[in-house]
């Protein structure tokens, strides 16, 4: 069983829109539909969409309109991203060594190749993320002062979907919730801090961008055209 948790509970405040960014229209289709379309074509067996309570009906309408037959359910997320993932882990059918993929719906230009690479590596090692090498020099800055310059060759920009054995990521999330840790920014970080598996990196895609600010709209429109 390969399950997908598609996160669509963001508010999109930085986009300055009157609705969450995952529902904005790009080339006459809602942004979320592009990721759904790709996962529909992938090796995934089921998809669970996690969204805000106010948008459950909207997500169901999109699923029905575009015939996304792999969508098992649309559920309500939590206050933070990691809460939404935790809800999603409870909703999927995956168990034991089944694979679960966790993806941000704002990454609409995800490719079948990246999805397949994550699935294959997660099947081998139990934990896999797509990433690309950073192109710029990165500085560690505290209070406006440069404190360190990490070696660029060791730095990667992490993307989604991130894939894991179900039992491993569920156990790690259970431990995280018991600790009341609020520092989590992605799912591999949960595995790094609370899991038992080493997270492997597969080749990502520089075009697998996350729509976050208004400046990203023209780029994603071009990529999806």
C-alpha atoms as a PDB file:
ATOM      1  CA  UNK A   1       0.000   0.000   0.000  1.00  0.00           C
ATOM      2  CA  UNK A   2       1.271   3.450  -0.981  1.00  0.00           C
ATOM      3  CA  UNK A   3      -0.657   6.269   0.675  1.00  0.00           C
ATOM      4  CA  UNK A   4      -0.412  10.001   0.037  1.00  0.00           C
ATOM      5  CA  UNK A   5      -1.176  12.703   2.592  1.00  0.00           C
ATOM      6  CA  UNK A   6      -1.788  15.903   0.626  1.00  0.00           C
ATOM      7  CA  UNK A   7      -1.588  18.954   2.875  1.00  0.00           C
ATOM      8  CA  UNK A   8      -3.984  21.721   1.878  1.00  0.00           C
ATOM      9  CA  UNK A   9      -4.696  23.497   5.156  1.00  0.00           C
ATOM     10  CA  UNK A  10      -2.522  26.580   4.689  1.00  0.00           C
ATOM     11  CA  UNK A  11      -4.047  30.032   4.935  1.00  0.00           C
ATOM     12  CA  UNK A  12      -1.887  31.679   2.269  1.00  0.00           C
ATOM     13  CA  UNK A  13      -1.518  34.947   4.203  1.00  0.00           C
ATOM     14  CA  UNK A  14       1.723  35.837   2.431  1.00  0.00           C
ATOM     15  CA  UNK A  15      -0.089  35.557  -0.922  1.00  0.00           C
ATOM     16  CA  UNK A  16      -2.485  38.376   0.115  1.00  0.00           C
ATOM     17  CA  UNK A  17      -5.452  36.463  -1.323  1.00  0.00           C
ATOM     18  CA  UNK A  18      -9.073  36.263  -0.226  1.00  0.00           C
ATOM     19  CA  UNK A  19      -8.795  32.452  -0.190  1.00  0.00           C
ATOM     20  CA  UNK A  20      -6.066  29.893   0.567  1.00  0.00           C
ATOM     21  CA  UNK A  21      -3.399  29.734  -2.146  1.00  0.00           C
ATOM     22  CA  UNK A  22      -4.018  26.048  -2.888  1.00  0.00           C
ATOM     23  CA  UNK A  23      -7.394  27.015  -4.367  1.00  0.00           C
ATOM     24  CA  UNK A  24      -6.246  29.935  -6.497  1.00  0.00           C
ATOM     25  CA  UNK A  25      -6.883  29.470 -10.211  1.00  0.00           C
ATOM     26  CA  UNK A  26      -3.825  28.813 -12.377  1.00  0.00           C
ATOM     27  CA  UNK A  27      -4.451  28.340 -16.097  1.00  0.00           C
ATOM     28  CA  UNK A  28      -8.170  27.899 -15.340  1.00  0.00           C
ATOM     29  CA  UNK A  29      -7.645  25.126 -12.775  1.00  0.00           C
ATOM     30  CA  UNK A  30      -7.263  25.248  -8.977  1.00  0.00           C
ATOM     31  CA  UNK A  31      -3.640  24.952  -7.896  1.00  0.00           C
ATOM     32  CA  UNK A  32      -4.301  21.855  -5.777  1.00  0.00           C
ATOM     33  CA  UNK A  33      -5.637  19.963  -8.789  1.00  0.00           C
ATOM     34  CA  UNK A  34      -2.192  19.769 -10.417  1.00  0.00           C
ATOM     35  CA  UNK A  35      -0.599  17.772  -7.595  1.00  0.00           C
ATOM     36  CA  UNK A  36      -3.714  15.606  -7.372  1.00  0.00           C
ATOM     37  CA  UNK A  37      -3.539  14.892 -11.092  1.00  0.00           C
ATOM     38  CA  UNK A  38       0.075  13.736 -10.839  1.00  0.00           C
ATOM     39  CA  UNK A  39      -0.535  11.517  -7.815  1.00  0.00           C
ATOM     40  CA  UNK A  40      -3.588  10.101  -9.607  1.00  0.00           C
ATOM     41  CA  UNK A  41      -1.203   8.948 -12.376  1.00  0.00           C
ATOM     42  CA  UNK A  42       1.465   7.689  -9.950  1.00  0.00           C
ATOM     43  CA  UNK A  43       1.906   4.345  -8.196  1.00  0.00           C
ATOM     44  CA  UNK A  44      -0.002   5.649  -5.181  1.00  0.00           C
ATOM     45  CA  UNK A  45      -2.985   3.562  -4.080  1.00  0.00           C
ATOM     46  CA  UNK A  46      -4.845   6.201  -2.064  1.00  0.00           C
ATOM     47  CA  UNK A  47      -4.818   9.909  -1.300  1.00  0.00           C
ATOM     48  CA  UNK A  48      -6.052  11.678   1.829  1.00  0.00           C
ATOM     49  CA  UNK A  49      -6.460  15.450   1.562  1.00  0.00           C
ATOM     50  CA  UNK A  50      -6.011  17.417   4.792  1.00  0.00           C
ATOM     51  CA  UNK A  51      -7.563  20.869   4.729  1.00  0.00           C
ATOM     52  CA  UNK A  52      -9.286  23.523   6.834  1.00  0.00           C
ATOM     53  CA  UNK A  53     -12.795  22.770   8.063  1.00  0.00           C
ATOM     54  CA  UNK A  54     -14.214  25.556   5.884  1.00  0.00           C
ATOM     55  CA  UNK A  55     -12.706  24.029   2.735  1.00  0.00           C
ATOM     56  CA  UNK A  56     -13.685  20.370   3.054  1.00  0.00           C
ATOM     57  CA  UNK A  57     -16.655  20.775   0.714  1.00  0.00           C
ATOM     58  CA  UNK A  58     -14.565  22.729  -1.799  1.00  0.00           C
ATOM     59  CA  UNK A  59     -11.945  19.946  -1.870  1.00  0.00           C
ATOM     60  CA  UNK A  60     -14.636  17.325  -2.375  1.00  0.00           C
ATOM     61  CA  UNK A  61     -16.071  19.355  -5.251  1.00  0.00           C
ATOM     62  CA  UNK A  62     -12.639  19.502  -6.909  1.00  0.00           C
ATOM     63  CA  UNK A  63     -12.159  15.752  -6.430  1.00  0.00           C
ATOM     64  CA  UNK A  64     -15.519  15.041  -8.056  1.00  0.00           C
ATOM     65  CA  UNK A  65     -15.128  17.562 -10.873  1.00  0.00           C
ATOM     66  CA  UNK A  66     -11.745  16.230 -11.997  1.00  0.00           C
ATOM     67  CA  UNK A  67     -12.465  12.561 -11.218  1.00  0.00           C
ATOM     68  CA  UNK A  68      -9.624  11.966  -8.769  1.00  0.00           C
ATOM     69  CA  UNK A  69     -10.665   8.415  -7.960  1.00  0.00           C
ATOM     70  CA  UNK A  70      -7.690   7.687  -5.702  1.00  0.00           C
ATOM     71  CA  UNK A  71      -8.838  10.231  -3.111  1.00  0.00           C
ATOM     72  CA  UNK A  72     -10.043   8.165  -0.159  1.00  0.00           C
ATOM     73  CA  UNK A  73     -11.093  11.011   2.097  1.00  0.00           C
ATOM     74  CA  UNK A  74     -10.924  14.738   2.819  1.00  0.00           C
ATOM     75  CA  UNK A  75     -10.282  15.446   6.490  1.00  0.00           C
ATOM     76  CA  UNK A  76      -9.781  18.453   8.744  1.00  0.00           C
ATOM     77  CA  UNK A  77      -6.237  19.451   9.683  1.00  0.00           C
ATOM     78  CA  UNK A  78      -4.800  20.926  12.856  1.00  0.00           C
ATOM     79  CA  UNK A  79      -3.427  24.255  14.013  1.00  0.00           C
ATOM     80  CA  UNK A  80       0.079  23.555  12.665  1.00  0.00           C
ATOM     81  CA  UNK A  81       1.438  21.609   9.711  1.00  0.00           C
ATOM     82  CA  UNK A  82       2.649  18.777  11.938  1.00  0.00           C
ATOM     83  CA  UNK A  83      -0.828  18.505  13.484  1.00  0.00           C
ATOM     84  CA  UNK A  84      -2.321  18.116  10.007  1.00  0.00           C
ATOM     85  CA  UNK A  85       0.202  15.406   9.132  1.00  0.00           C
ATOM     86  CA  UNK A  86      -0.639  13.574  12.350  1.00  0.00           C
ATOM     87  CA  UNK A  87      -4.331  13.660  11.459  1.00  0.00           C
ATOM     88  CA  UNK A  88      -3.478  12.366   8.010  1.00  0.00           C
ATOM     89  CA  UNK A  89      -1.459   9.469   9.419  1.00  0.00           C
ATOM     90  CA  UNK A  90      -4.544   8.411  11.368  1.00  0.00           C
ATOM     91  CA  UNK A  91      -6.725   8.556   8.244  1.00  0.00           C
ATOM     92  CA  UNK A  92      -4.708   6.560   5.715  1.00  0.00           C
ATOM     93  CA  UNK A  93      -4.980   2.782   5.379  1.00  0.00           C
ATOM     94  CA  UNK A  94      -1.205   2.299   5.489  1.00  0.00           C
ATOM     95  CA  UNK A  95       0.220   0.020   8.166  1.00  0.00           C
ATOM     96  CA  UNK A  96       3.563  -1.502   9.181  1.00  0.00           C
ATOM     97  CA  UNK A  97       6.023  -1.344   6.259  1.00  0.00           C
ATOM     98  CA  UNK A  98       3.578   0.289   3.820  1.00  0.00           C
ATOM     99  CA  UNK A  99       4.816   3.551   2.309  1.00  0.00           C
ATOM    100  CA  UNK A 100       3.270   6.938   3.082  1.00  0.00           C
ATOM    101  CA  UNK A 101       4.131  10.072   1.103  1.00  0.00           C
ATOM    102  CA  UNK A 102       3.566  13.527   2.592  1.00  0.00           C
ATOM    103  CA  UNK A 103       3.245  16.388   0.116  1.00  0.00           C
ATOM    104  CA  UNK A 104       2.469  20.107   0.197  1.00  0.00           C
ATOM    105  CA  UNK A 105      -0.315  20.995  -2.244  1.00  0.00           C
ATOM    106  CA  UNK A 106       1.452  24.314  -2.923  1.00  0.00           C
ATOM    107  CA  UNK A 107       4.109  22.275  -4.762  1.00  0.00           C
ATOM    108  CA  UNK A 108       1.901  21.877  -7.812  1.00  0.00           C
ATOM    109  CA  UNK A 109       4.631  21.059 -10.333  1.00  0.00           C
ATOM    110  CA  UNK A 110       5.649  17.738  -8.803  1.00  0.00           C
ATOM    111  CA  UNK A 111       6.816  15.165 -11.355  1.00  0.00           C
ATOM    112  CA  UNK A 112       6.161  11.438 -11.641  1.00  0.00           C
ATOM    113  CA  UNK A 113       9.930  10.900 -11.724  1.00  0.00           C
ATOM    114  CA  UNK A 114      10.490  12.509  -8.320  1.00  0.00           C
ATOM    115  CA  UNK A 115       7.512  10.660  -6.837  1.00  0.00           C
ATOM    116  CA  UNK A 116       8.843   7.330  -8.126  1.00  0.00           C
ATOM    117  CA  UNK A 117      12.346   8.015  -6.800  1.00  0.00           C
ATOM    118  CA  UNK A 118      10.994   8.800  -3.324  1.00  0.00           C
ATOM    119  CA  UNK A 119       8.812   5.681  -3.320  1.00  0.00           C
ATOM    120  CA  UNK A 120      11.695   3.441  -4.390  1.00  0.00           C
ATOM    121  CA  UNK A 121      14.151   4.807  -1.813  1.00  0.00           C
ATOM    122  CA  UNK A 122      11.558   4.794   0.964  1.00  0.00           C
ATOM    123  CA  UNK A 123      10.916   1.155   0.126  1.00  0.00           C
ATOM    124  CA  UNK A 124      14.619   0.369   0.455  1.00  0.00           C
ATOM    125  CA  UNK A 125      15.695   2.471   3.433  1.00  0.00           C
ATOM    126  CA  UNK A 126      12.422   3.472   5.072  1.00  0.00           C
ATOM    127  CA  UNK A 127      12.854   7.254   4.821  1.00  0.00           C
ATOM    128  CA  UNK A 128      13.511   9.390   1.747  1.00  0.00           C
ATOM    129  CA  UNK A 129      13.266  13.048   0.737  1.00  0.00           C
ATOM    130  CA  UNK A 130      13.859  14.863  -2.569  1.00  0.00           C
ATOM    131  CA  UNK A 131      16.358  17.709  -2.460  1.00  0.00           C
ATOM    132  CA  UNK A 132      18.504  19.859  -4.724  1.00  0.00           C
ATOM    133  CA  UNK A 133      21.901  21.444  -3.995  1.00  0.00           C
ATOM    134  CA  UNK A 134      21.709  25.113  -3.029  1.00  0.00           C
ATOM    135  CA  UNK A 135      23.109  27.479  -5.629  1.00  0.00           C
ATOM    136  CA  UNK A 136      23.902  30.424  -3.387  1.00  0.00           C
ATOM    137  CA  UNK A 137      26.283  30.912  -0.502  1.00  0.00           C
ATOM    138  CA  UNK A 138      24.366  30.626   2.780  1.00  0.00           C
ATOM    139  CA  UNK A 139      25.179  32.673   5.884  1.00  0.00           C
ATOM    140  CA  UNK A 140      24.166  32.044   9.485  1.00  0.00           C
ATOM    141  CA  UNK A 141      23.007  35.430  10.770  1.00  0.00           C
ATOM    142  CA  UNK A 142      22.102  36.307  14.369  1.00  0.00           C
ATOM    143  CA  UNK A 143      20.966  39.824  15.307  1.00  0.00           C
ATOM    144  CA  UNK A 144      22.098  41.127  11.946  1.00  0.00           C
ATOM    145  CA  UNK A 145      25.630  39.743  12.279  1.00  0.00           C
ATOM    146  CA  UNK A 146      27.151  36.929  10.208  1.00  0.00           C
ATOM    147  CA  UNK A 147      28.187  34.132  12.556  1.00  0.00           C
ATOM    148  CA  UNK A 148      29.109  31.354  10.140  1.00  0.00           C
ATOM    149  CA  UNK A 149      29.292  30.365   6.473  1.00  0.00           C
ATOM    150  CA  UNK A 150      28.422  26.663   6.069  1.00  0.00           C
ATOM    151  CA  UNK A 151      30.183  24.687   3.354  1.00  0.00           C
ATOM    152  CA  UNK A 152      27.901  25.074   0.343  1.00  0.00           C
ATOM    153  CA  UNK A 153      28.586  21.573  -0.958  1.00  0.00           C
ATOM    154  CA  UNK A 154      26.876  20.131   2.136  1.00  0.00           C
ATOM    155  CA  UNK A 155      23.687  22.215   1.832  1.00  0.00           C
ATOM    156  CA  UNK A 156      20.525  21.049   0.085  1.00  0.00           C
ATOM    157  CA  UNK A 157      17.113  22.599  -0.472  1.00  0.00           C
ATOM    158  CA  UNK A 158      14.530  20.074   0.673  1.00  0.00           C
ATOM    159  CA  UNK A 159      11.266  19.451  -1.156  1.00  0.00           C
ATOM    160  CA  UNK A 160       8.218  17.192  -0.937  1.00  0.00           C
ATOM    161  CA  UNK A 161       6.862  14.535  -1.225  1.00  0.00           C
ATOM    162  CA  UNK A 162       8.759  12.983   1.656  1.00  0.00           C
ATOM    163  CA  UNK A 163       8.314   9.221   1.959  1.00  0.00           C
ATOM    164  CA  UNK A 164       8.496   6.854   4.926  1.00  0.00           C
ATOM    165  CA  UNK A 165       7.548   3.427   6.151  1.00  0.00           C
ATOM    166  CA  UNK A 166       4.232   3.971   7.868  1.00  0.00           C
ATOM    167  CA  UNK A 167       5.125   2.406  11.218  1.00  0.00           C
ATOM    168  CA  UNK A 168       8.401   4.353  11.423  1.00  0.00           C
ATOM    169  CA  UNK A 169       6.974   7.821  10.755  1.00  0.00           C
ATOM    170  CA  UNK A 170       3.876   7.172  12.881  1.00  0.00           C
ATOM    171  CA  UNK A 171       6.044   6.131  15.824  1.00  0.00           C
ATOM    172  CA  UNK A 172       8.241   9.205  15.390  1.00  0.00           C
ATOM    173  CA  UNK A 173       5.192  11.496  15.290  1.00  0.00           C
ATOM    174  CA  UNK A 174       3.741   9.842  18.400  1.00  0.00           C
ATOM    175  CA  UNK A 175       6.963  10.614  20.281  1.00  0.00           C
ATOM    176  CA  UNK A 176       7.034  14.169  18.967  1.00  0.00           C
ATOM    177  CA  UNK A 177       3.510  14.845  20.219  1.00  0.00           C
ATOM    178  CA  UNK A 178       4.341  13.479  23.646  1.00  0.00           C
ATOM    179  CA  UNK A 179       7.307  15.863  23.824  1.00  0.00           C
ATOM    180  CA  UNK A 180       5.195  18.908  22.858  1.00  0.00           C
ATOM    181  CA  UNK A 181       7.933  19.896  20.411  1.00  0.00           C
ATOM    182  CA  UNK A 182       6.852  22.938  18.364  1.00  0.00           C
ATOM    183  CA  UNK A 183      10.114  23.415  16.435  1.00  0.00           C
ATOM    184  CA  UNK A 184       9.267  20.976  13.634  1.00  0.00           C
ATOM    185  CA  UNK A 185       9.368  22.381  10.093  1.00  0.00           C
ATOM    186  CA  UNK A 186       9.146  19.218   7.969  1.00  0.00           C
ATOM    187  CA  UNK A 187       8.535  15.494   8.293  1.00  0.00           C
ATOM    188  CA  UNK A 188      12.131  14.376   7.872  1.00  0.00           C
ATOM    189  CA  UNK A 189      12.951  16.521  10.913  1.00  0.00           C
ATOM    190  CA  UNK A 190      10.494  14.419  12.926  1.00  0.00           C
ATOM    191  CA  UNK A 191      12.296  11.280  11.785  1.00  0.00           C
ATOM    192  CA  UNK A 192      15.697  12.835  12.510  1.00  0.00           C
ATOM    193  CA  UNK A 193      14.749  13.806  16.075  1.00  0.00           C
ATOM    194  CA  UNK A 194      12.359  11.041  17.112  1.00  0.00           C
ATOM    195  CA  UNK A 195      12.718   8.176  14.661  1.00  0.00           C
ATOM    196  CA  UNK A 196      15.163   5.329  14.245  1.00  0.00           C
ATOM    197  CA  UNK A 197      15.817   5.546  10.510  1.00  0.00           C
ATOM    198  CA  UNK A 198      18.411   7.554   8.615  1.00  0.00           C
ATOM    199  CA  UNK A 199      16.803   9.837   6.042  1.00  0.00           C
ATOM    200  CA  UNK A 200      18.133   9.262   2.529  1.00  0.00           C
ATOM    201  CA  UNK A 201      18.161  11.970  -0.150  1.00  0.00           C
ATOM    202  CA  UNK A 202      17.077  11.455  -3.755  1.00  0.00           C
ATOM    203  CA  UNK A 203      17.446  13.896  -6.628  1.00  0.00           C
ATOM    204  CA  UNK A 204      14.779  16.575  -6.553  1.00  0.00           C
ATOM    205  CA  UNK A 205      13.758  19.046  -9.237  1.00  0.00           C
ATOM    206  CA  UNK A 206      14.505  22.780  -9.275  1.00  0.00           C
ATOM    207  CA  UNK A 207      11.100  23.278 -10.925  1.00  0.00           C
ATOM    208  CA  UNK A 208       9.342  21.636  -7.957  1.00  0.00           C
ATOM    209  CA  UNK A 209       8.745  25.060  -6.454  1.00  0.00           C
ATOM    210  CA  UNK A 210       6.470  25.889  -3.534  1.00  0.00           C
ATOM    211  CA  UNK A 211       4.047  28.734  -4.188  1.00  0.00           C
ATOM    212  CA  UNK A 212       4.516  30.966  -1.159  1.00  0.00           C
ATOM    213  CA  UNK A 213       4.562  34.610  -2.223  1.00  0.00           C
ATOM    214  CA  UNK A 214       2.885  36.605  -5.037  1.00  0.00           C
ATOM    215  CA  UNK A 215       6.176  36.537  -6.948  1.00  0.00           C
ATOM    216  CA  UNK A 216       5.825  32.769  -7.331  1.00  0.00           C
ATOM    217  CA  UNK A 217       2.555  32.970  -9.261  1.00  0.00           C
ATOM    218  CA  UNK A 218       4.017  33.924 -12.635  1.00  0.00           C
ATOM    219  CA  UNK A 219       6.648  31.197 -12.335  1.00  0.00           C
ATOM    220  CA  UNK A 220       4.180  28.422 -11.471  1.00  0.00           C
ATOM    221  CA  UNK A 221       1.801  29.638 -14.200  1.00  0.00           C
ATOM    222  CA  UNK A 222       4.617  29.279 -16.721  1.00  0.00           C
ATOM    223  CA  UNK A 223       5.656  25.851 -15.434  1.00  0.00           C
ATOM    224  CA  UNK A 224       2.111  24.487 -15.508  1.00  0.00           C
ATOM    225  CA  UNK A 225       1.152  25.932 -18.876  1.00  0.00           C
END
